[in-house]
Amino acid sequence: MPDHVHLLIQPWRKDSGKFWTIGSILHSIKGFSAKQIPSVMPHIGKVWQDGRHERLVVGDRHFQATVQYIYQNPMVAQLTYIPHI
């Protein structure tokens, strides 16, 4: 997508037995990519906007629907052709 990204994340446990938070995972992803993308694409300015929209996926049906939504999103936006899976 030219203006957003979809991620389906399952946080791992830390050594302490607690899980990594979505905020800490996204902080790492955004921080790393914000430095790396401009190094290979100098014409790119600010990579990320502030904010996020997160949803908790509960159950297999919700998971499968989320996967399908992410998979079909570029096709719905007419950015590419994606064969049906």
Protein backbone atom coordinates (compact mmCIF):
# COMPACT_ATOMS: atom_id res chain seq x y z
CA MET A 1 0.00 0.00 0.00
CA PRO A 2 1.39 3.41 -0.83
CA ASP A 3 0.21 5.11 2.35
CA HIS A 4 -0.14 2.45 5.04
CA VAL A 5 0.92 -1.00 6.12
CA HIS A 6 -0.94 -3.94 7.62
CA LEU A 7 0.86 -6.20 10.10
CA LEU A 8 -0.44 -9.35 11.73
CA ILE A 9 1.70 -9.79 14.83
CA GLN A 10 1.80 -12.39 17.58
CA PRO A 11 3.95 -11.00 20.41
CA TRP A 12 6.55 -13.34 21.93
CA ARG A 13 7.26 -13.74 25.60
CA LYS A 14 10.13 -11.81 27.14
CA ASP A 15 12.62 -13.55 29.42
CA SER A 16 10.58 -12.25 32.34
CA GLY A 17 7.54 -14.25 31.21
CA LYS A 18 5.63 -11.13 30.11
CA PHE A 19 4.82 -10.45 26.47
CA TRP A 20 6.30 -7.69 24.32
CA THR A 21 3.73 -4.94 23.79
CA ILE A 22 2.45 -3.96 20.36
CA GLY A 23 3.82 -0.47 21.06
CA SER A 24 7.33 -1.76 21.73
CA ILE A 25 7.27 -3.99 18.63
CA LEU A 26 6.09 -1.14 16.41
CA HIS A 27 8.64 1.22 17.96
CA SER A 28 11.40 -1.18 16.89
CA ILE A 29 9.99 -1.69 13.39
CA LYS A 30 9.39 2.01 12.81
CA GLY A 31 12.73 3.08 14.27
CA PHE A 32 14.76 0.62 12.20
CA SER A 33 12.89 1.19 8.94
CA ALA A 34 12.87 4.99 9.37
CA LYS A 35 16.68 4.86 9.28
CA GLN A 36 17.08 2.19 6.60
CA ILE A 37 14.52 3.25 3.98
CA PRO A 38 16.00 6.73 3.34
CA SER A 39 19.47 5.18 2.98
CA VAL A 40 18.32 3.23 -0.10
CA MET A 41 15.58 5.63 -1.22
CA PRO A 42 16.96 9.15 -0.58
CA HIS A 43 13.91 10.80 -2.16
CA ILE A 44 11.73 9.48 0.66
CA GLY A 45 11.11 12.00 3.40
CA LYS A 46 9.42 11.14 6.66
CA VAL A 47 8.58 7.43 6.58
CA TRP A 48 6.02 7.11 9.37
CA GLN A 49 3.16 9.17 10.69
CA ASP A 50 2.28 9.12 14.36
CA GLY A 51 -0.42 6.77 15.51
CA ARG A 52 -1.68 3.30 14.85
CA HIS A 53 -4.91 1.34 14.73
CA GLU A 54 -4.70 -2.01 16.46
CA ARG A 55 -7.20 -4.80 16.83
CA LEU A 56 -7.07 -7.96 18.88
CA VAL A 57 -7.72 -11.01 16.71
CA VAL A 58 -9.76 -13.56 18.63
CA GLY A 59 -10.41 -17.01 17.19
CA ASP A 60 -9.60 -18.80 13.98
CA ARG A 61 -12.45 -17.27 11.93
CA HIS A 62 -11.37 -13.76 12.86
CA PHE A 63 -7.74 -14.65 12.08
CA GLN A 64 -8.64 -16.06 8.65
CA ALA A 65 -10.80 -13.03 7.83
CA THR A 66 -7.94 -10.71 8.83
CA VAL A 67 -5.47 -12.61 6.65
CA GLN A 68 -7.86 -12.39 3.70
CA TYR A 69 -8.39 -8.66 4.25
CA ILE A 70 -4.64 -7.99 4.32
CA TYR A 71 -4.06 -10.19 1.27
CA GLN A 72 -6.83 -8.58 -0.80
CA ASN A 73 -6.27 -4.97 0.30
CA PRO A 74 -3.90 -3.99 -2.58
CA MET A 75 -6.24 -5.57 -5.14
CA VAL A 76 -9.27 -3.74 -3.76
CA ALA A 77 -7.24 -0.52 -4.01
CA GLN A 78 -6.48 -1.48 -7.67
CA LEU A 79 -2.73 -1.50 -7.05
CA THR A 80 -2.11 -5.05 -8.24
CA TYR A 81 -3.69 -8.26 -9.38
CA ILE A 82 -3.79 -10.96 -6.75
CA PRO A 83 -5.02 -14.42 -7.72
CA HIS A 84 -7.57 -15.96 -5.34
CA ILE A 85 -6.13 -18.25 -2.70
